[in-house]
N, C-alpha and C. Protein backbone atom coordinates (compact mmCIF):
# COMPACT_ATOMS: atom_id res chain seq x y z
N UNK A 1 279.47 57.15 -130.90
CA UNK A 1 278.30 56.21 -131.97
C UNK A 1 276.98 56.27 -131.25
N UNK A 2 275.94 56.54 -131.93
CA UNK A 2 274.53 57.13 -131.30
C UNK A 2 274.30 55.86 -130.99
N UNK A 3 272.64 56.12 -130.14
CA UNK A 3 271.95 55.17 -129.81
C UNK A 3 270.76 54.76 -130.37
N UNK A 4 270.10 53.46 -130.86
CA UNK A 4 268.87 53.49 -131.37
C UNK A 4 267.88 53.68 -130.79
N UNK A 5 266.79 54.37 -130.86
CA UNK A 5 265.50 54.49 -130.24
C UNK A 5 265.33 53.34 -129.55
N UNK A 6 265.36 52.12 -129.99
CA UNK A 6 264.83 50.91 -129.68
C UNK A 6 265.69 50.86 -128.17
N UNK A 7 266.92 50.86 -128.48
CA UNK A 7 267.87 50.83 -127.21
C UNK A 7 267.33 51.53 -126.01
N UNK A 8 267.30 52.73 -126.26
CA UNK A 8 266.85 53.82 -125.00
C UNK A 8 265.47 53.30 -124.88
N UNK A 9 264.54 52.84 -125.31
CA UNK A 9 263.03 52.57 -125.03
C UNK A 9 263.58 51.30 -123.57
N UNK A 10 264.11 50.43 -124.40
CA UNK A 10 264.42 49.28 -123.55
C UNK A 10 265.04 49.54 -122.07
N UNK A 11 265.91 50.18 -122.27
CA UNK A 11 266.71 50.86 -120.87
C UNK A 11 265.76 51.59 -120.15
N UNK A 12 264.75 52.12 -120.53
CA UNK A 12 264.06 53.06 -119.63
C UNK A 12 263.09 52.04 -119.03
N UNK A 13 262.37 51.20 -119.73
CA UNK A 13 261.58 50.21 -119.46
C UNK A 13 262.06 49.35 -118.20
N UNK A 14 263.25 48.80 -118.35
CA UNK A 14 263.80 47.92 -117.63
C UNK A 14 264.37 48.35 -116.31
N UNK A 15 264.62 49.89 -116.23
CA UNK A 15 265.01 50.87 -115.28
C UNK A 15 263.63 51.51 -114.78
N UNK A 16 262.81 51.37 -115.23
CA UNK A 16 261.37 51.85 -114.40
C UNK A 16 260.55 51.03 -115.15
N UNK A 17 260.20 49.82 -114.42
CA UNK A 17 259.09 48.46 -114.97
C UNK A 17 257.85 49.25 -114.89
N UNK A 18 257.18 48.99 -115.58
CA UNK A 18 255.58 49.22 -115.84
C UNK A 18 255.38 50.77 -116.60
N UNK A 19 256.60 51.49 -117.10
CA UNK A 19 256.47 52.71 -117.57
C UNK A 19 256.17 52.57 -119.00
N UNK A 20 255.16 53.73 -119.16
CA UNK A 20 255.16 53.84 -120.67
C UNK A 20 255.90 54.67 -121.26
N UNK A 21 256.70 54.48 -122.59
CA UNK A 21 257.72 54.96 -122.91
C UNK A 21 257.30 55.40 -124.53
N UNK A 22 257.52 56.76 -124.93
CA UNK A 22 257.51 56.72 -126.12
C UNK A 22 258.82 57.53 -126.97
N UNK A 23 259.64 57.12 -127.63
CA UNK A 23 260.69 57.67 -128.22
C UNK A 23 260.34 58.57 -129.57
N UNK A 24 261.18 59.59 -129.77
CA UNK A 24 260.88 60.30 -131.09
C UNK A 24 262.29 60.78 -131.44
N UNK A 25 262.99 60.53 -132.76
CA UNK A 25 264.04 61.05 -133.23
C UNK A 25 263.96 62.42 -133.57
N UNK A 26 263.97 63.54 -133.00
CA UNK A 26 263.72 64.90 -133.48
C UNK A 26 264.47 65.23 -134.59
N UNK A 27 265.42 64.86 -134.92
CA UNK A 27 266.42 65.30 -136.33
C UNK A 27 266.23 64.00 -137.14
N UNK A 28 266.11 62.89 -137.13
CA UNK A 28 266.19 61.96 -138.02
C UNK A 28 267.97 61.39 -137.75
N UNK A 29 268.80 61.71 -137.09
CA UNK A 29 269.82 61.51 -137.23
C UNK A 29 270.46 60.70 -136.17
N UNK A 30 269.42 60.19 -135.21
CA UNK A 30 269.83 59.08 -134.18
C UNK A 30 270.72 59.56 -133.09
N UNK A 31 270.74 60.68 -133.06
CA UNK A 31 271.54 61.61 -131.92
C UNK A 31 270.52 62.48 -130.97
N UNK A 32 269.55 62.94 -131.42
CA UNK A 32 268.84 64.03 -130.94
C UNK A 32 267.11 63.36 -130.71
N UNK A 33 267.12 63.03 -129.07
CA UNK A 33 265.57 62.28 -129.35
C UNK A 33 264.78 62.59 -128.18
N UNK A 34 263.39 62.82 -128.11
CA UNK A 34 262.48 62.97 -126.90
C UNK A 34 262.27 61.88 -126.51
N UNK A 35 262.03 61.74 -125.16
CA UNK A 35 261.55 60.64 -124.23
C UNK A 35 260.40 61.08 -123.66
N UNK A 36 259.13 60.25 -123.82
CA UNK A 36 257.94 60.88 -123.36
C UNK A 36 257.68 59.85 -122.15
N UNK A 37 257.89 59.89 -121.03
CA UNK A 37 257.99 58.80 -119.87
C UNK A 37 256.79 58.95 -118.81
N UNK A 38 255.82 57.95 -118.93
CA UNK A 38 254.79 58.13 -117.83
C UNK A 38 254.73 56.66 -117.00
N UNK A 39 254.89 57.01 -115.77
CA UNK A 39 255.17 55.87 -114.81
C UNK A 39 254.60 56.19 -113.47
N UNK A 40 253.65 55.19 -112.64
CA UNK A 40 253.33 55.44 -111.33
C UNK A 40 254.22 55.90 -110.21
N UNK A 41 255.52 55.19 -110.76
CA UNK A 41 256.72 55.53 -110.10
C UNK A 41 257.25 57.20 -109.62
N UNK A 42 257.00 57.72 -110.60
CA UNK A 42 256.94 59.07 -110.68
C UNK A 42 256.00 60.10 -109.51
N UNK A 43 255.12 59.49 -109.41
CA UNK A 43 253.88 59.94 -108.38
C UNK A 43 254.21 60.43 -106.98
N UNK A 44 254.32 61.78 -106.87
CA UNK A 44 254.95 62.35 -105.50
C UNK A 44 256.38 63.02 -105.87
N UNK A 45 256.99 62.86 -106.77
CA UNK A 45 258.30 62.99 -106.66
C UNK A 45 258.18 64.43 -107.92
N UNK A 46 259.41 64.97 -107.63
CA UNK A 46 259.42 66.37 -108.37
C UNK A 46 259.93 66.29 -109.74
N UNK A 47 259.96 67.17 -110.61
CA UNK A 47 260.27 66.45 -112.29
C UNK A 47 261.87 66.50 -112.05
N UNK A 48 262.46 66.91 -111.34
CA UNK A 48 263.84 66.98 -111.33
C UNK A 48 264.29 65.52 -110.78
N UNK A 49 263.35 64.71 -109.87
CA UNK A 49 263.69 63.53 -109.30
C UNK A 49 263.27 62.34 -110.58
N UNK A 50 262.31 62.81 -111.01
CA UNK A 50 261.90 61.97 -112.23
C UNK A 50 262.74 61.92 -113.27
N UNK A 51 263.35 63.28 -113.77
CA UNK A 51 264.52 63.04 -114.50
C UNK A 51 265.68 62.35 -114.22
N UNK A 52 266.06 62.31 -113.33
CA UNK A 52 266.95 61.69 -112.34
C UNK A 52 266.78 59.93 -112.65
N UNK A 53 265.53 59.71 -112.19
CA UNK A 53 265.39 58.15 -112.60
C UNK A 53 265.39 57.90 -114.07
N UNK A 54 265.04 58.67 -114.99
CA UNK A 54 265.36 58.22 -116.49
C UNK A 54 266.82 58.04 -116.69
N UNK A 55 267.60 59.25 -116.14
CA UNK A 55 269.13 59.36 -116.24
C UNK A 55 269.74 57.94 -115.72
N UNK A 56 269.25 57.43 -114.48
CA UNK A 56 269.61 56.46 -114.00
C UNK A 56 269.46 54.95 -114.76
N UNK A 57 268.09 54.84 -115.18
CA UNK A 57 267.68 53.93 -116.06
C UNK A 57 268.63 53.98 -117.31
N UNK A 58 269.33 55.02 -117.80
CA UNK A 58 270.20 54.98 -118.86
C UNK A 58 271.51 54.28 -118.87
N UNK A 59 271.60 54.35 -117.15
CA UNK A 59 273.06 53.58 -117.02
C UNK A 59 274.24 54.26 -117.44
N UNK A 60 274.43 55.60 -117.37
CA UNK A 60 275.53 56.42 -117.75
C UNK A 60 275.61 56.56 -119.29
N UNK A 61 274.66 56.20 -120.07
CA UNK A 61 275.13 56.58 -121.56
C UNK A 61 274.61 58.10 -121.95
N UNK A 62 273.87 58.67 -120.76
CA UNK A 62 273.82 59.81 -121.43
C UNK A 62 275.10 60.77 -121.41
N UNK A 63 275.36 61.72 -122.34
CA UNK A 63 276.56 62.30 -122.69
C UNK A 63 277.50 61.48 -123.21
N UNK A 64 277.14 60.13 -123.32
CA UNK A 64 278.20 59.34 -123.92
C UNK A 64 277.93 59.03 -125.45
N UNK A 65 276.98 57.47 -125.48
CA UNK A 65 276.31 57.40 -126.58
C UNK A 65 275.41 57.94 -127.02
N UNK A 66 274.53 58.72 -125.88
CA UNK A 66 273.31 59.37 -126.10
C UNK A 66 273.67 60.93 -125.96
N UNK A 67 273.56 61.52 -126.97
CA UNK A 67 273.97 62.98 -126.95
C UNK A 67 273.00 64.04 -126.47
N UNK A 68 271.54 63.78 -127.14
CA UNK A 68 270.55 64.75 -126.73
C UNK A 68 269.64 64.04 -126.51
N UNK A 69 268.88 64.12 -125.38
CA UNK A 69 267.62 63.63 -125.03
C UNK A 69 266.71 64.79 -124.04
N UNK A 70 265.54 65.12 -124.53
CA UNK A 70 264.71 65.90 -124.39
C UNK A 70 263.71 65.01 -123.56
N UNK A 71 263.10 65.43 -122.11
CA UNK A 71 262.40 64.59 -121.42
C UNK A 71 261.27 65.08 -121.16
N UNK A 72 260.10 64.52 -121.22
CA UNK A 72 258.52 64.64 -120.38
C UNK A 72 258.08 63.64 -119.64
N UNK A 73 258.69 63.69 -118.47
CA UNK A 73 257.99 62.65 -117.45
C UNK A 73 256.59 63.14 -116.70
N UNK A 74 255.87 62.30 -116.28
CA UNK A 74 254.74 62.50 -115.41
C UNK A 74 254.35 60.92 -114.93
N UNK A 75 253.42 61.29 -114.01
CA UNK A 75 253.07 60.35 -113.36
C UNK A 75 251.39 59.97 -114.20
N UNK A 76 250.74 58.96 -114.21
CA UNK A 76 249.71 58.57 -115.17
C UNK A 76 248.79 59.55 -114.37
N UNK A 77 247.43 60.00 -115.38
CA UNK A 77 246.42 60.84 -115.07
C UNK A 77 245.57 59.93 -114.15
N UNK A 78 244.92 60.49 -113.24
CA UNK A 78 243.84 59.45 -112.20
C UNK A 78 242.48 59.76 -113.44
């Protein structure tokens, strides 16, 4: 069963408080998304660490309800 974009956004916002989150359904099928996440919590962390934080916020749904998620993560620009 696919996840709704709003559910993905909510999970990321709850898991990374204060994050700016934009979700785009890449194919219109509710199964392939792009998440753009900007958070001060990412500052000083590697891209891998940033992505791990997002996956942790998704609470194990990646690969189950959520089939494909492209990630763009960054700290806010100064």
